[in-house]
Amino acid sequence: MVPFLTAENVLAAVSPERAVEAVRDGFVAYARGEWAMPPKIYVPAYPNGDFRAMPAIGAGHAVLKWVTSFPVNLEKGLPTVKAIVLVSDAETGMPVAVLEGSALTALRTGAAAVLAAETLARPEAGAAAVIGTGVNGRATARTFIARGREVILWDVDPERARTAAEELGASVAASREQALSADIVATVTPGREPLFAENSLLPGQHVSLMGADGPGKCEIAPRELARTHVFCDDWTQASHAGELQHLVPENLIAREQVTQLGDVLANFAPGRRSAEEITTFDSTGLAIQDLALALAVLERVGELEGALELPLW
């Protein structure tokens, strides 16, 4: 029998704070070469969206996440992102668990955004603004709040922002400009138009750019990103499908100018260099993050009430 864990099971098993710890461990293990992650595979279904297959192996387990990104679903009242995660034993190849992946994705998106901010922002940085209050945006805000930071929200849909603020105990920005000028900003949108125009970032700001995770997506003007100290989750993936996809072909940035977050967390590379420096984190979402969160869920699987078990062999 193999556990089949619902979104409710996943969220009950792992708190936002535990998610940050797990994702940190995953980044460090990957930076040290202890975990491996083959390239993410995109299966286009444009113009509506795309499918993605994301494998990783480490800590005696292998995972495969099959995830969708269909922004048009907002118009149909359907989730933008849905996913399933299969966990297997790396020694025998036998299935260990099947997890609902959208909740896992939201948890690790929030954890990565906050982990990057805590690692790269100024120590004295104030409130965090979260732009976009969909499932992943709310998870990001919830994680910031769990870590003790004041949060302000902004969304193109004011009612959605107000509802999220009431749910989470956050406040709503008076304007988009107010949100974009916060000490820490996390952008969690499906947009293809930059939120940050050229010369809009302020000295000392940190921005976690979480939305550009596929071809054509962007949340910041390429030349604006190029003038910051850029960090990413994985160079290979980000340079093909993240914000960096718009810089590399134009020779606006070189590989040696970009630092992977895991290298900072593993003490292989420096982070922020001064209080005035602008730092950015280009996040595309990694399978090692899914592996880290799946392992955290499995730690508590025996404590979960109502978890289903299926005879998969």
Protein backbone atom coordinates (compact mmCIF):
# COMPACT_ATOMS: atom_id res chain seq x y z
CA MET A 1 0.00 0.00 0.00
CA VAL A 2 1.26 3.47 -0.92
CA PRO A 3 0.12 6.68 0.86
CA PHE A 4 -1.77 9.14 -1.35
CA LEU A 5 -1.52 12.51 0.38
CA THR A 6 -3.98 15.29 -0.36
CA ALA A 7 -3.31 19.02 -0.26
CA GLU A 8 -4.74 19.08 3.26
CA ASN A 9 -2.34 16.30 4.31
CA VAL A 10 0.64 18.17 2.85
CA LEU A 11 -0.24 21.43 4.58
CA ALA A 12 -0.91 19.65 7.87
CA ALA A 13 2.47 17.92 7.71
CA VAL A 14 4.69 20.92 6.95
CA SER A 15 4.40 24.41 8.42
CA PRO A 16 5.72 27.42 6.50
CA GLU A 17 8.65 27.65 8.92
CA ARG A 18 9.53 23.98 8.43
CA ALA A 19 9.27 24.52 4.67
CA VAL A 20 11.94 27.23 4.82
CA GLU A 21 14.27 24.88 6.71
CA ALA A 22 13.65 22.02 4.27
CA VAL A 23 14.19 24.17 1.19
CA ARG A 24 17.41 25.55 2.69
CA ASP A 25 18.64 21.98 3.22
CA GLY A 26 17.77 21.12 -0.38
CA PHE A 27 19.66 24.09 -1.80
CA VAL A 28 22.73 23.23 0.28
CA ALA A 29 22.65 19.53 -0.66
CA TYR A 30 22.39 20.48 -4.34
CA ALA A 31 25.23 23.00 -4.07
CA ARG A 32 27.43 20.36 -2.45
CA GLY A 33 26.67 17.86 -5.22
CA GLU A 34 24.87 15.49 -2.84
CA TRP A 35 21.58 15.76 -4.76
CA ALA A 36 21.12 15.68 -8.54
CA MET A 37 18.51 17.33 -10.73
CA PRO A 38 18.17 16.60 -14.46
CA PRO A 39 16.83 19.51 -16.55
CA LYS A 40 13.16 20.42 -16.28
CA ILE A 41 11.20 19.35 -19.37
CA TYR A 42 8.59 21.73 -20.81
CA VAL A 43 5.70 20.39 -22.87
CA PRO A 44 4.09 23.46 -24.50
CA ALA A 45 0.33 23.74 -24.80
CA TYR A 46 0.42 27.37 -25.91
CA PRO A 47 -1.27 29.79 -25.92
CA ASN A 48 -3.12 28.37 -22.91
CA GLY A 49 -0.18 27.12 -20.85
CA ASP A 50 2.33 24.31 -20.51
CA PHE A 51 3.15 21.05 -18.75
CA ARG A 52 6.42 20.44 -16.89
CA ALA A 53 8.20 17.26 -15.80
CA MET A 54 10.62 17.81 -12.93
CA PRO A 55 12.85 14.96 -11.62
CA ALA A 56 15.37 14.95 -8.76
CA ILE A 57 17.24 12.40 -6.65
CA GLY A 58 18.83 12.61 -3.22
CA ALA A 59 18.72 11.38 0.38
CA GLY A 60 17.78 7.89 -0.76
CA HIS A 61 14.71 9.02 -2.69
CA ALA A 62 13.77 10.15 -6.19
CA VAL A 63 10.86 12.40 -7.12
CA LEU A 64 9.05 13.32 -10.29
CA LYS A 65 6.64 16.23 -10.35
CA TRP A 66 4.17 16.57 -13.23
CA VAL A 67 2.94 20.15 -13.03
CA THR A 68 0.85 22.47 -15.18
CA SER A 69 0.87 26.24 -15.58
CA PHE A 70 -2.29 27.46 -17.31
CA PRO A 71 -2.91 31.19 -16.60
CA VAL A 72 -6.06 31.10 -18.77
CA ASN A 73 -7.68 28.97 -16.08
CA LEU A 74 -8.33 32.11 -14.04
CA GLU A 75 -11.02 33.03 -16.58
CA LYS A 76 -12.60 29.58 -16.17
CA GLY A 77 -12.59 29.49 -12.39
CA LEU A 78 -9.96 26.74 -12.41
CA PRO A 79 -6.57 26.63 -10.65
CA THR A 80 -3.66 28.06 -12.62
CA VAL A 81 -1.28 25.41 -11.28
CA LYS A 82 -1.99 21.73 -10.60
CA ALA A 83 0.58 19.06 -9.87
CA ILE A 84 1.20 15.51 -8.72
CA VAL A 85 4.45 14.37 -7.09
CA LEU A 86 5.59 10.73 -7.17
CA VAL A 87 8.19 9.72 -4.57
CA SER A 88 10.20 6.53 -5.05
CA ASP A 89 12.85 4.63 -3.13
CA ALA A 90 16.17 5.32 -4.86
CA GLU A 91 17.58 1.87 -4.06
CA THR A 92 14.69 -0.31 -5.22
CA GLY A 93 12.74 2.02 -7.50
CA MET A 94 9.55 1.15 -5.62
CA PRO A 95 6.93 3.91 -5.11
CA VAL A 96 6.90 5.37 -1.61
CA ALA A 97 4.15 7.99 -1.80
CA VAL A 98 2.02 10.09 -4.14
CA LEU A 99 1.47 13.69 -3.09
CA GLU A 100 -0.88 16.40 -4.31
CA GLY A 101 1.67 18.75 -5.80
CA SER A 102 -0.02 22.15 -5.96
CA ALA A 103 0.11 22.57 -2.17
CA LEU A 104 3.72 21.39 -2.24
CA THR A 105 4.49 23.92 -4.99
CA ALA A 106 2.90 26.75 -3.02
CA LEU A 107 4.82 25.81 0.14
CA ARG A 108 8.18 25.68 -1.59
CA THR A 109 7.52 28.85 -3.62
CA GLY A 110 6.82 30.77 -0.43
CA ALA A 111 9.79 29.17 1.30
CA ALA A 112 12.20 30.00 -1.55
CA ALA A 113 11.02 33.62 -1.79
CA VAL A 114 11.43 34.15 1.94
CA LEU A 115 14.69 32.21 2.20
CA ALA A 116 16.21 34.37 -0.55
CA ALA A 117 14.96 37.54 1.14
CA GLU A 118 16.33 36.53 4.54
CA THR A 119 19.66 35.61 2.96
CA LEU A 120 20.09 38.63 0.68
CA ALA A 121 18.12 41.57 2.10
CA ARG A 122 19.64 44.17 4.40
CA PRO A 123 19.52 43.03 8.05
CA GLU A 124 17.53 46.13 8.97
CA ALA A 125 15.04 45.76 6.08
CA GLY A 126 11.45 46.49 7.02
CA ALA A 127 8.16 45.24 5.62
CA ALA A 128 7.87 42.82 2.72
CA ALA A 129 5.49 43.52 -0.15
CA VAL A 130 3.99 40.59 -2.02
CA ILE A 131 2.76 41.37 -5.52
CA GLY A 132 0.14 38.86 -6.65
CA THR A 133 -2.25 37.17 -4.24
CA GLY A 134 -3.02 33.90 -5.98
CA VAL A 135 -2.25 30.57 -4.31
CA ASN A 136 1.53 30.99 -4.48
CA GLY A 137 1.41 34.66 -3.55
CA ARG A 138 -0.64 33.87 -0.46
CA ALA A 139 1.78 31.11 0.46
CA THR A 140 4.64 33.60 0.16
CA ALA A 141 2.86 36.15 2.35
CA ARG A 142 1.96 33.46 4.87
CA THR A 143 5.61 32.39 5.08
CA PHE A 144 6.86 35.95 5.60
CA ILE A 145 4.30 36.40 8.39
CA ALA A 146 5.26 33.08 9.99
CA ARG A 147 8.85 34.33 10.07
CA GLY A 148 7.74 37.47 11.91
CA ARG A 149 7.79 40.03 9.10
CA GLU A 150 5.12 42.66 8.38
CA VAL A 151 3.53 42.12 4.96
CA ILE A 152 1.68 44.38 2.56
CA LEU A 153 -0.16 43.01 -0.47
CA TRP A 154 -1.00 44.28 -3.94
CA ASP A 155 -2.86 42.59 -6.76
CA VAL A 156 -4.36 43.69 -10.08
CA ASP A 157 -7.66 42.55 -8.52
CA PRO A 158 -8.16 44.80 -5.45
CA GLU A 159 -10.86 42.55 -4.01
CA ARG A 160 -8.56 39.54 -4.18
CA ALA A 161 -5.88 41.51 -2.34
CA ARG A 162 -8.36 42.59 0.36
CA THR A 163 -9.62 39.04 0.82
CA ALA A 164 -6.07 37.72 1.13
CA ALA A 165 -5.13 40.44 3.60
CA GLU A 166 -8.09 39.58 5.83
CA GLU A 167 -7.29 35.89 5.65
CA LEU A 168 -3.60 36.30 6.45
CA GLY A 169 -3.52 39.28 8.77
CA ALA A 170 -1.65 41.46 6.28
CA SER A 171 -2.37 44.96 5.00
CA VAL A 172 -3.16 46.17 1.49
CA ALA A 173 -0.85 48.61 -0.27
CA ALA A 174 -2.40 51.94 -1.16
CA SER A 175 -0.94 51.61 -4.66
CA ARG A 176 1.24 49.40 -6.77
CA GLU A 177 3.99 52.00 -6.47
CA GLN A 178 3.92 51.76 -2.68
CA ALA A 179 4.29 47.99 -2.84
CA LEU A 180 7.10 48.11 -5.40
CA SER A 181 9.09 50.52 -3.20
CA ALA A 182 9.15 48.26 -0.10
CA ASP A 183 12.50 47.19 1.35
CA ILE A 184 11.70 43.61 0.34
CA VAL A 185 9.45 42.72 -2.59
CA ALA A 186 8.31 39.30 -3.76
CA THR A 187 6.61 39.23 -7.15
CA VAL A 188 4.43 36.17 -7.66
CA THR A 189 2.57 36.82 -10.88
CA PRO A 190 1.95 35.03 -14.20
CA GLY A 191 2.65 38.23 -16.10
CA ARG A 192 4.56 38.76 -19.29
CA GLU A 193 4.95 42.53 -18.80
CA PRO A 194 7.57 43.94 -16.42
CA LEU A 195 6.43 45.22 -13.03
CA PHE A 196 9.80 46.88 -12.52
CA ALA A 197 10.71 49.32 -15.29
CA GLU A 198 14.21 50.58 -15.98
CA ASN A 199 15.65 52.69 -13.13
CA SER A 200 12.77 51.87 -10.78
CA LEU A 201 14.55 49.83 -8.11
CA LEU A 202 15.76 51.68 -5.04
CA PRO A 203 19.18 51.43 -3.33
CA GLY A 204 19.22 48.63 -0.77
CA GLN A 205 16.12 46.85 -2.04
CA HIS A 206 15.80 43.11 -2.39
CA VAL A 207 13.38 41.54 -4.87
CA SER A 208 12.48 37.85 -5.07
CA LEU A 209 11.22 37.37 -8.64
CA MET A 210 9.09 34.24 -8.44
CA GLY A 211 6.82 34.47 -11.50
CA ALA A 212 9.10 34.03 -14.52
CA ASP A 213 9.30 30.25 -14.60
CA GLY A 214 8.74 29.58 -18.29
CA PRO A 215 9.50 30.88 -21.80
CA GLY A 216 8.40 34.45 -22.41
CA LYS A 217 7.55 35.32 -18.81
CA CYS A 218 9.04 38.34 -17.06
CA GLU A 219 8.45 40.59 -14.06
CA ILE A 220 11.35 43.03 -14.51
CA ALA A 221 12.85 44.92 -17.45
CA PRO A 222 16.01 43.13 -18.60
CA ARG A 223 18.28 46.18 -18.26
CA GLU A 224 16.90 46.84 -14.78
CA LEU A 225 17.76 43.31 -13.71
CA ALA A 226 21.21 43.65 -15.27
CA ARG A 227 22.11 46.59 -13.00
CA THR A 228 21.46 44.56 -9.83
CA HIS A 229 23.45 41.88 -8.03
CA VAL A 230 21.67 38.87 -9.49
CA PHE A 231 21.17 35.57 -7.68
CA CYS A 232 19.24 32.60 -9.07
CA ASP A 233 18.08 29.17 -8.00
CA ASP A 234 19.90 27.38 -10.84
CA TRP A 235 21.85 29.04 -13.65
CA THR A 236 21.04 26.48 -16.34
CA GLN A 237 17.31 26.60 -15.68
CA ALA A 238 17.06 30.34 -15.04
CA SER A 239 19.05 31.28 -18.12
CA HIS A 240 16.60 29.33 -20.29
CA ALA A 241 13.27 29.90 -18.55
CA GLY A 242 13.68 32.57 -15.85
CA GLU A 243 14.25 36.31 -15.94
CA LEU A 244 17.77 35.62 -17.18
CA GLN A 245 16.39 34.21 -20.45
CA HIS A 246 15.91 37.82 -21.59
CA LEU A 247 19.45 38.94 -20.65
CA VAL A 248 21.69 36.15 -21.88
CA PRO A 249 20.89 36.39 -25.62
CA GLU A 250 21.50 40.14 -25.52
CA ASN A 251 24.81 39.72 -23.67
CA LEU A 252 23.51 41.90 -20.85
CA ILE A 253 24.95 39.55 -18.25
CA ALA A 254 27.60 36.83 -18.04
CA ARG A 255 27.55 33.57 -16.11
CA GLU A 256 30.20 34.80 -13.67
CA GLN A 257 28.01 37.76 -12.69
CA VAL A 258 25.22 35.51 -11.37
CA THR A 259 25.39 33.61 -8.08
CA GLN A 260 23.30 30.55 -7.27
CA LEU A 261 21.51 30.90 -3.94
CA GLY A 262 22.66 27.47 -2.80
CA ASP A 263 26.27 28.56 -3.14
CA VAL A 264 25.61 31.42 -0.72
CA LEU A 265 23.80 29.14 1.73
CA ALA A 266 26.64 26.57 1.55
CA ASN A 267 29.22 29.36 2.11
CA PHE A 268 30.76 28.85 -1.31
CA ALA A 269 29.99 32.40 -2.46
CA PRO A 270 29.23 35.80 -0.86
CA GLY A 271 25.76 37.31 -0.73
CA ARG A 272 24.93 41.01 -0.38
CA ARG A 273 28.06 43.17 -0.51
CA SER A 274 26.78 46.49 0.85
CA ALA A 275 23.73 48.19 2.34
CA GLU A 276 23.17 50.18 -0.88
CA GLU A 277 23.40 47.21 -3.23
CA ILE A 278 20.21 46.05 -4.97
CA THR A 279 19.81 42.28 -4.85
CA THR A 280 17.48 40.18 -6.98
CA PHE A 281 16.61 36.49 -6.90
CA ASP A 282 15.55 34.86 -10.16
CA SER A 283 13.46 31.85 -9.15
CA THR A 284 12.26 29.24 -11.63
CA GLY A 285 11.31 26.51 -9.14
CA LEU A 286 13.54 23.46 -8.75
CA ALA A 287 12.82 19.78 -8.41
CA ILE A 288 15.27 19.66 -5.49
CA GLN A 289 12.87 21.96 -3.63
CA ASP A 290 10.05 19.50 -4.30
CA LEU A 291 12.24 16.66 -3.08
CA ALA A 292 13.10 18.57 0.10
CA LEU A 293 9.44 19.30 0.84
CA ALA A 294 8.33 15.75 -0.01
CA LEU A 295 10.87 14.36 2.46
CA ALA A 296 9.59 16.79 5.11
CA VAL A 297 6.04 15.54 4.50
CA LEU A 298 7.12 11.90 4.72
CA GLU A 299 8.72 12.57 8.11
CA ARG A 300 5.21 13.03 9.51
CA VAL A 301 3.14 10.76 7.32
CA GLY A 302 2.40 8.41 10.22
CA GLU A 303 0.84 11.28 12.19
CA LEU A 304 -1.59 12.40 9.48
CA GLU A 305 -5.26 11.71 10.00
CA GLY A 306 -7.36 10.45 7.11
CA ALA A 307 -4.42 9.81 4.73
CA LEU A 308 -5.43 7.45 1.92
CA GLU A 309 -3.46 4.36 0.94
CA LEU A 310 -3.60 2.85 -2.53
CA PRO A 311 -2.49 -0.57 -3.80
CA LEU A 312 -0.12 0.52 -6.58
CA TRP A 313 1.43 -2.93 -7.04
